[in-house]
Amino acid sequence: ENWGSGAKRIIDACRAQNIEDPTWSDHGGFITVTFKRPNYARNPYENLEDNVAPNKSGVVLNVAQSIDNVAPNEENVAQSLDDRILQIIKSNPTIKREDIAIQLSVNKKTIERHLKYLGIKWEGHSKTGHWILLI
């Protein structure tokens, strides 16, 4: 290790991830490093090459460029999670978050996040209430 090599490694790591270089400031002998949060579009992977896609853990993997081997009965796979949540709520406005999560095989927190994004809120008592659209 050489003195001062950490700052260069931090900058190199930011550049490797396409993140703006951090800013450094001195506050009476204390150094503050500020990292800018990346401004991702709706899909943070939209700038990747056409033949790569992230897996569930966010790791980018090569994927086939042909859809010949996709099962024909998988129409709902292409449907977004938001659309499926809306569809479930329209068919049963009193359904609970937990039941939506079970139907879609996702975590309850994921459903809560998507409901907030969609502007959908539970109104009324926990047993007798229903979903409303806030927008």
N, C-alpha and C. Protein backbone atom coordinates (compact mmCIF):
# COMPACT_ATOMS: atom_id res chain seq x y z
N GLU A 1 0.83 -1.18 0.00
CA GLU A 1 0.00 0.00 0.00
C GLU A 1 0.88 1.24 0.00
N ASN A 2 0.46 2.22 -0.76
CA ASN A 2 1.13 3.51 -0.79
C ASN A 2 0.21 4.55 -0.19
N TRP A 3 0.80 5.57 0.45
CA TRP A 3 0.00 6.66 0.98
C TRP A 3 -0.73 7.34 -0.16
N GLY A 4 -2.04 7.60 0.02
CA GLY A 4 -2.81 8.31 -0.99
C GLY A 4 -3.39 7.43 -2.08
N SER A 5 -3.14 6.12 -2.01
CA SER A 5 -3.64 5.26 -3.09
C SER A 5 -5.14 4.99 -2.96
N GLY A 6 -5.71 5.18 -1.78
CA GLY A 6 -7.13 4.91 -1.57
C GLY A 6 -8.03 5.85 -2.35
N ALA A 7 -7.65 7.13 -2.42
CA ALA A 7 -8.45 8.11 -3.15
C ALA A 7 -8.52 7.75 -4.64
N LYS A 8 -7.41 7.35 -5.20
CA LYS A 8 -7.40 6.97 -6.61
C LYS A 8 -8.26 5.73 -6.85
N ARG A 9 -8.21 4.77 -5.91
CA ARG A 9 -9.03 3.56 -6.06
C ARG A 9 -10.51 3.88 -5.96
N ILE A 10 -10.86 4.82 -5.08
CA ILE A 10 -12.27 5.22 -4.96
C ILE A 10 -12.75 5.86 -6.26
N ILE A 11 -11.95 6.76 -6.80
CA ILE A 11 -12.31 7.42 -8.05
C ILE A 11 -12.41 6.41 -9.18
N ASP A 12 -11.46 5.49 -9.26
CA ASP A 12 -11.49 4.46 -10.31
C ASP A 12 -12.73 3.59 -10.18
N ALA A 13 -13.11 3.25 -8.94
CA ALA A 13 -14.31 2.42 -8.72
C ALA A 13 -15.57 3.17 -9.16
N CYS A 14 -15.65 4.46 -8.87
CA CYS A 14 -16.80 5.26 -9.30
C CYS A 14 -16.88 5.31 -10.82
N ARG A 15 -15.76 5.55 -11.46
CA ARG A 15 -15.75 5.62 -12.92
C ARG A 15 -16.11 4.28 -13.55
N ALA A 16 -15.68 3.19 -12.93
CA ALA A 16 -16.01 1.85 -13.46
C ALA A 16 -17.51 1.59 -13.40
N GLN A 17 -18.20 2.23 -12.44
CA GLN A 17 -19.65 2.06 -12.30
C GLN A 17 -20.43 3.18 -12.98
N ASN A 18 -19.74 4.03 -13.75
CA ASN A 18 -20.35 5.18 -14.43
C ASN A 18 -21.04 6.13 -13.46
N ILE A 19 -20.37 6.36 -12.31
CA ILE A 19 -20.87 7.29 -11.30
C ILE A 19 -19.93 8.48 -11.28
N GLU A 20 -20.50 9.65 -11.12
CA GLU A 20 -19.71 10.88 -11.09
C GLU A 20 -18.65 10.81 -9.98
N ASP A 21 -17.48 11.39 -10.24
CA ASP A 21 -16.40 11.38 -9.25
C ASP A 21 -16.88 12.01 -7.95
N PRO A 22 -16.44 11.48 -6.81
CA PRO A 22 -16.84 12.06 -5.53
C PRO A 22 -16.17 13.41 -5.30
N THR A 23 -16.76 14.20 -4.40
CA THR A 23 -16.15 15.48 -4.04
C THR A 23 -15.52 15.32 -2.65
N TRP A 24 -14.41 16.01 -2.45
CA TRP A 24 -13.65 15.92 -1.20
C TRP A 24 -13.65 17.29 -0.55
N SER A 25 -13.89 17.34 0.75
CA SER A 25 -13.84 18.62 1.45
C SER A 25 -13.17 18.43 2.81
N ASP A 26 -12.45 19.48 3.24
CA ASP A 26 -11.71 19.45 4.49
C ASP A 26 -12.46 20.30 5.50
N HIS A 27 -12.73 19.71 6.68
CA HIS A 27 -13.45 20.41 7.74
C HIS A 27 -12.61 20.34 9.01
N GLY A 28 -11.65 21.23 9.12
CA GLY A 28 -10.83 21.31 10.33
C GLY A 28 -10.10 20.02 10.65
N GLY A 29 -9.48 19.42 9.68
CA GLY A 29 -8.73 18.20 9.90
C GLY A 29 -9.52 16.93 9.59
N PHE A 30 -10.82 17.07 9.35
CA PHE A 30 -11.65 15.93 8.97
C PHE A 30 -11.96 16.02 7.48
N ILE A 31 -11.86 14.92 6.81
CA ILE A 31 -12.15 14.88 5.37
C ILE A 31 -13.53 14.27 5.17
N THR A 32 -14.34 14.93 4.34
CA THR A 32 -15.66 14.41 3.97
C THR A 32 -15.64 14.07 2.50
N VAL A 33 -16.04 12.85 2.18
CA VAL A 33 -16.15 12.42 0.79
C VAL A 33 -17.63 12.30 0.48
N THR A 34 -18.07 12.99 -0.56
CA THR A 34 -19.48 12.98 -0.95
C THR A 34 -19.63 12.27 -2.29
N PHE A 35 -20.47 11.26 -2.29
CA PHE A 35 -20.76 10.50 -3.51
C PHE A 35 -22.10 10.95 -4.06
N LYS A 36 -22.16 11.20 -5.36
CA LYS A 36 -23.42 11.57 -5.99
C LYS A 36 -24.18 10.30 -6.33
N ARG A 37 -25.45 10.29 -5.99
CA ARG A 37 -26.30 9.15 -6.31
C ARG A 37 -26.54 9.11 -7.81
N PRO A 38 -26.42 7.93 -8.42
CA PRO A 38 -26.69 7.85 -9.85
C PRO A 38 -28.14 8.20 -10.13
N ASN A 39 -28.39 8.90 -11.22
CA ASN A 39 -29.74 9.26 -11.60
C ASN A 39 -30.23 8.26 -12.64
N TYR A 40 -30.73 7.14 -12.14
CA TYR A 40 -31.20 6.10 -13.05
C TYR A 40 -32.54 6.50 -13.64
N ALA A 41 -32.74 6.10 -14.87
CA ALA A 41 -34.05 6.24 -15.49
C ALA A 41 -34.96 5.20 -14.88
N ARG A 42 -36.19 5.08 -15.37
CA ARG A 42 -37.14 4.08 -14.84
C ARG A 42 -36.49 2.71 -14.84
N ASN A 43 -35.67 2.38 -15.85
CA ASN A 43 -34.98 1.10 -15.94
C ASN A 43 -33.48 1.38 -15.90
N PRO A 44 -32.79 1.09 -14.81
CA PRO A 44 -31.36 1.42 -14.71
C PRO A 44 -30.50 0.62 -15.68
N TYR A 45 -31.06 -0.38 -16.34
CA TYR A 45 -30.29 -1.21 -17.25
C TYR A 45 -30.54 -0.84 -18.70
N GLU A 46 -31.23 0.29 -18.97
CA GLU A 46 -31.60 0.62 -20.34
C GLU A 46 -30.40 0.97 -21.22
N ASN A 47 -29.28 1.35 -20.64
CA ASN A 47 -28.11 1.71 -21.44
C ASN A 47 -27.18 0.53 -21.70
N LEU A 48 -27.56 -0.66 -21.24
CA LEU A 48 -26.73 -1.83 -21.48
C LEU A 48 -26.87 -2.30 -22.91
N GLU A 49 -25.95 -3.12 -23.34
CA GLU A 49 -26.03 -3.68 -24.67
C GLU A 49 -27.29 -4.52 -24.80
N ASP A 50 -27.73 -4.76 -26.04
CA ASP A 50 -28.96 -5.50 -26.28
C ASP A 50 -28.91 -6.94 -25.83
N ASN A 51 -27.74 -7.53 -25.77
CA ASN A 51 -27.67 -8.96 -25.45
C ASN A 51 -27.32 -9.25 -24.00
N VAL A 52 -27.50 -8.27 -23.10
CA VAL A 52 -27.27 -8.52 -21.69
C VAL A 52 -28.47 -8.07 -20.88
N ALA A 53 -28.68 -8.71 -19.73
CA ALA A 53 -29.77 -8.35 -18.83
C ALA A 53 -29.38 -8.73 -17.42
N PRO A 54 -29.91 -8.03 -16.42
CA PRO A 54 -29.57 -8.36 -15.04
C PRO A 54 -30.38 -9.55 -14.55
N ASN A 55 -29.77 -10.36 -13.68
CA ASN A 55 -30.54 -11.43 -13.04
C ASN A 55 -31.14 -10.86 -11.76
N LYS A 56 -31.78 -11.70 -10.93
CA LYS A 56 -32.48 -11.22 -9.74
C LYS A 56 -31.56 -10.51 -8.76
N SER A 57 -30.30 -10.88 -8.72
CA SER A 57 -29.39 -10.23 -7.78
C SER A 57 -28.73 -8.99 -8.38
N GLY A 58 -29.14 -8.60 -9.61
CA GLY A 58 -28.60 -7.40 -10.23
C GLY A 58 -27.34 -7.65 -11.02
N VAL A 59 -26.88 -8.90 -11.11
CA VAL A 59 -25.69 -9.21 -11.87
C VAL A 59 -26.06 -9.32 -13.34
N VAL A 60 -25.29 -8.68 -14.19
CA VAL A 60 -25.60 -8.69 -15.60
C VAL A 60 -25.08 -9.98 -16.24
N LEU A 61 -25.96 -10.64 -16.95
CA LEU A 61 -25.62 -11.89 -17.62
C LEU A 61 -25.94 -11.79 -19.09
N ASN A 62 -25.23 -12.54 -19.91
CA ASN A 62 -25.59 -12.61 -21.33
C ASN A 62 -26.87 -13.41 -21.48
N VAL A 63 -27.74 -12.94 -22.35
CA VAL A 63 -29.00 -13.65 -22.60
C VAL A 63 -29.13 -13.88 -24.10
N ALA A 64 -29.93 -14.88 -24.43
CA ALA A 64 -30.13 -15.21 -25.84
C ALA A 64 -30.83 -14.06 -26.55
N GLN A 65 -30.48 -13.84 -27.81
CA GLN A 65 -31.11 -12.79 -28.58
C GLN A 65 -32.34 -13.29 -29.32
N SER A 66 -32.61 -14.56 -29.21
CA SER A 66 -33.77 -15.15 -29.87
C SER A 66 -34.81 -15.53 -28.82
N ILE A 67 -36.09 -15.40 -29.17
CA ILE A 67 -37.15 -15.78 -28.24
C ILE A 67 -37.83 -17.06 -28.69
N ASP A 68 -37.16 -17.84 -29.54
CA ASP A 68 -37.76 -19.06 -30.05
C ASP A 68 -38.04 -20.08 -28.95
N ASN A 69 -37.24 -20.08 -27.89
CA ASN A 69 -37.40 -21.09 -26.86
C ASN A 69 -38.27 -20.63 -25.69
N VAL A 70 -38.99 -19.52 -25.84
CA VAL A 70 -39.88 -19.03 -24.79
C VAL A 70 -41.18 -19.81 -24.87
N ALA A 71 -41.67 -20.27 -23.73
CA ALA A 71 -42.90 -21.05 -23.71
C ALA A 71 -44.08 -20.17 -24.13
N PRO A 72 -44.96 -20.65 -25.00
CA PRO A 72 -46.06 -19.84 -25.49
C PRO A 72 -47.10 -19.49 -24.42
N ASN A 73 -47.19 -20.27 -23.35
CA ASN A 73 -48.18 -20.02 -22.31
C ASN A 73 -47.69 -19.02 -21.27
N GLU A 74 -46.59 -18.35 -21.51
CA GLU A 74 -46.00 -17.42 -20.55
C GLU A 74 -46.35 -15.98 -20.89
N GLU A 75 -47.59 -15.69 -21.27
CA GLU A 75 -48.00 -14.34 -21.65
C GLU A 75 -47.88 -13.37 -20.47
N ASN A 76 -48.23 -13.85 -19.28
CA ASN A 76 -48.21 -12.98 -18.11
C ASN A 76 -46.81 -12.61 -17.67
N VAL A 77 -45.80 -13.33 -18.14
CA VAL A 77 -44.41 -13.02 -17.76
C VAL A 77 -44.02 -11.65 -18.27
N ALA A 78 -44.48 -11.30 -19.47
CA ALA A 78 -44.14 -10.02 -20.07
C ALA A 78 -44.91 -8.87 -19.43
N GLN A 79 -46.02 -9.17 -18.78
CA GLN A 79 -46.85 -8.14 -18.16
C GLN A 79 -46.13 -7.59 -16.93
N SER A 80 -46.11 -6.29 -16.78
CA SER A 80 -45.37 -5.70 -15.66
C SER A 80 -46.06 -6.00 -14.33
N LEU A 81 -45.28 -5.94 -13.27
CA LEU A 81 -45.80 -6.18 -11.93
C LEU A 81 -46.88 -5.16 -11.58
N ASP A 82 -46.69 -3.92 -11.99
CA ASP A 82 -47.70 -2.89 -11.72
C ASP A 82 -49.04 -3.25 -12.36
N ASP A 83 -49.00 -3.68 -13.61
CA ASP A 83 -50.23 -4.06 -14.30
C ASP A 83 -50.91 -5.23 -13.62
N ARG A 84 -50.13 -6.19 -13.16
CA ARG A 84 -50.72 -7.35 -12.50
C ARG A 84 -51.33 -6.97 -11.15
N ILE A 85 -50.67 -6.05 -10.43
CA ILE A 85 -51.23 -5.58 -9.16
C ILE A 85 -52.56 -4.88 -9.40
N LEU A 86 -52.61 -3.98 -10.40
CA LEU A 86 -53.85 -3.29 -10.73
C LEU A 86 -54.95 -4.26 -11.11
N GLN A 87 -54.61 -5.25 -11.88
CA GLN A 87 -55.59 -6.25 -12.32
C GLN A 87 -56.16 -7.01 -11.11
N ILE A 88 -55.30 -7.39 -10.18
CA ILE A 88 -55.76 -8.12 -8.99
C ILE A 88 -56.66 -7.24 -8.14
N ILE A 89 -56.28 -5.97 -7.96
CA ILE A 89 -57.08 -5.07 -7.12
C ILE A 89 -58.43 -4.77 -7.78
N LYS A 90 -58.44 -4.63 -9.11
CA LYS A 90 -59.72 -4.39 -9.80
C LYS A 90 -60.66 -5.58 -9.64
N SER A 91 -60.10 -6.77 -9.66
CA SER A 91 -60.95 -7.95 -9.52
C SER A 91 -61.39 -8.18 -8.07
N ASN A 92 -60.63 -7.66 -7.09
CA ASN A 92 -60.97 -7.83 -5.69
C ASN A 92 -60.46 -6.62 -4.91
N PRO A 93 -61.25 -5.54 -4.80
CA PRO A 93 -60.78 -4.32 -4.14
C PRO A 93 -60.54 -4.45 -2.64
N THR A 94 -60.91 -5.57 -2.05
CA THR A 94 -60.71 -5.75 -0.61
C THR A 94 -59.57 -6.73 -0.30
N ILE A 95 -58.83 -7.12 -1.31
CA ILE A 95 -57.73 -8.08 -1.12
C ILE A 95 -56.62 -7.44 -0.28
N LYS A 96 -55.97 -8.21 0.53
CA LYS A 96 -54.90 -7.73 1.42
C LYS A 96 -53.55 -7.76 0.70
N ARG A 97 -52.62 -6.92 1.17
CA ARG A 97 -51.27 -6.87 0.60
C ARG A 97 -50.61 -8.25 0.60
N GLU A 98 -50.77 -8.95 1.71
CA GLU A 98 -50.14 -10.26 1.85
C GLU A 98 -50.64 -11.23 0.78
N ASP A 99 -51.95 -11.16 0.48
CA ASP A 99 -52.52 -12.05 -0.52
C ASP A 99 -52.05 -11.70 -1.94
N ILE A 100 -51.89 -10.39 -2.20
CA ILE A 100 -51.34 -9.97 -3.50
C ILE A 100 -49.91 -10.50 -3.64
N ALA A 101 -49.13 -10.36 -2.57
CA ALA A 101 -47.74 -10.82 -2.58
C ALA A 101 -47.67 -12.33 -2.83
N ILE A 102 -48.57 -13.08 -2.20
CA ILE A 102 -48.58 -14.53 -2.40
C ILE A 102 -48.94 -14.87 -3.84
N GLN A 103 -49.95 -14.19 -4.39
CA GLN A 103 -50.37 -14.47 -5.77
C GLN A 103 -49.26 -14.18 -6.78
N LEU A 104 -48.47 -13.15 -6.50
CA LEU A 104 -47.43 -12.74 -7.45
C LEU A 104 -46.06 -13.30 -7.10
N SER A 105 -45.98 -14.05 -6.01
CA SER A 105 -44.71 -14.66 -5.57
C SER A 105 -43.62 -13.63 -5.34
N VAL A 106 -43.99 -12.54 -4.66
CA VAL A 106 -43.02 -11.51 -4.29
C VAL A 106 -43.19 -11.19 -2.82
N ASN A 107 -42.29 -10.40 -2.28
CA ASN A 107 -42.32 -10.00 -0.88
C ASN A 107 -43.41 -8.94 -0.66
N LYS A 108 -43.98 -8.91 0.54
CA LYS A 108 -45.01 -7.92 0.89
C LYS A 108 -44.48 -6.50 0.72
N LYS A 109 -43.22 -6.28 1.06
CA LYS A 109 -42.61 -4.95 0.92
C LYS A 109 -42.58 -4.50 -0.54
N THR A 110 -42.38 -5.46 -1.45
CA THR A 110 -42.38 -5.13 -2.88
C THR A 110 -43.75 -4.62 -3.28
N ILE A 111 -44.80 -5.29 -2.79
CA ILE A 111 -46.16 -4.86 -3.11
C ILE A 111 -46.41 -3.47 -2.53
N GLU A 112 -46.00 -3.22 -1.29
CA GLU A 112 -46.18 -1.91 -0.67
C GLU A 112 -45.49 -0.81 -1.47
N ARG A 113 -44.28 -1.08 -1.95
CA ARG A 113 -43.53 -0.11 -2.74
C ARG A 113 -44.26 0.20 -4.05
N HIS A 114 -44.76 -0.84 -4.72
CA HIS A 114 -45.46 -0.63 -5.99
C HIS A 114 -46.80 0.07 -5.78
N LEU A 115 -47.50 -0.24 -4.70
CA LEU A 115 -48.77 0.44 -4.41
C LEU A 115 -48.53 1.92 -4.19
N LYS A 116 -47.47 2.26 -3.46
CA LYS A 116 -47.14 3.67 -3.23
C LYS A 116 -46.81 4.36 -4.55
N TYR A 117 -46.03 3.69 -5.40
CA TYR A 117 -45.66 4.25 -6.70
C TYR A 117 -46.90 4.47 -7.57
N LEU A 118 -47.85 3.54 -7.52
CA LEU A 118 -49.06 3.62 -8.32
C LEU A 118 -50.08 4.61 -7.75
N GLY A 119 -49.89 5.07 -6.53
CA GLY A 119 -50.83 5.98 -5.91
C GLY A 119 -52.09 5.27 -5.43
N ILE A 120 -51.93 4.07 -4.93
CA ILE A 120 -53.05 3.28 -4.43
C ILE A 120 -52.92 3.16 -2.92
N LYS A 121 -54.00 3.46 -2.21
CA LYS A 121 -53.97 3.47 -0.75
C LYS A 121 -55.15 2.68 -0.20
N TRP A 122 -54.93 2.03 0.94
CA TRP A 122 -55.99 1.31 1.64
C TRP A 122 -56.81 2.32 2.43
N GLU A 123 -58.12 2.27 2.29
CA GLU A 123 -59.00 3.18 3.03
C GLU A 123 -59.97 2.36 3.87
N GLY A 124 -60.10 2.75 5.12
CA GLY A 124 -61.04 2.09 5.99
C GLY A 124 -60.37 1.15 6.98
N HIS A 125 -61.21 0.38 7.65
CA HIS A 125 -60.75 -0.58 8.66
C HIS A 125 -59.95 -1.69 8.00
N SER A 126 -59.05 -2.30 8.75
CA SER A 126 -58.19 -3.34 8.18
C SER A 126 -58.98 -4.55 7.69
N LYS A 127 -60.16 -4.79 8.26
CA LYS A 127 -60.95 -5.95 7.83
C LYS A 127 -62.05 -5.59 6.84
N THR A 128 -62.52 -4.35 6.86
CA THR A 128 -63.66 -4.00 6.00
C THR A 128 -63.32 -2.93 4.97
N GLY A 129 -62.07 -2.51 4.90
CA GLY A 129 -61.68 -1.44 3.98
C GLY A 129 -61.54 -1.91 2.54
N HIS A 130 -61.02 -1.00 1.71
CA HIS A 130 -60.82 -1.30 0.30
C HIS A 130 -59.73 -0.37 -0.26
N TRP A 131 -59.27 -0.67 -1.46
CA TRP A 131 -58.22 0.10 -2.11
C TRP A 131 -58.83 1.26 -2.85
N ILE A 132 -58.14 2.44 -2.81
CA ILE A 132 -58.56 3.60 -3.58
C ILE A 132 -57.35 4.15 -4.34
N LEU A 133 -57.63 4.78 -5.47
CA LEU A 133 -56.58 5.40 -6.27
C LEU A 133 -56.48 6.86 -5.85
N LEU A 134 -55.29 7.29 -5.42
CA LEU A 134 -55.10 8.64 -4.90
C LEU A 134 -54.99 9.70 -5.98
N ILE A 135 -54.61 9.33 -7.15
CA ILE A 135 -54.34 10.32 -8.21
C ILE A 135 -55.60 10.76 -8.90
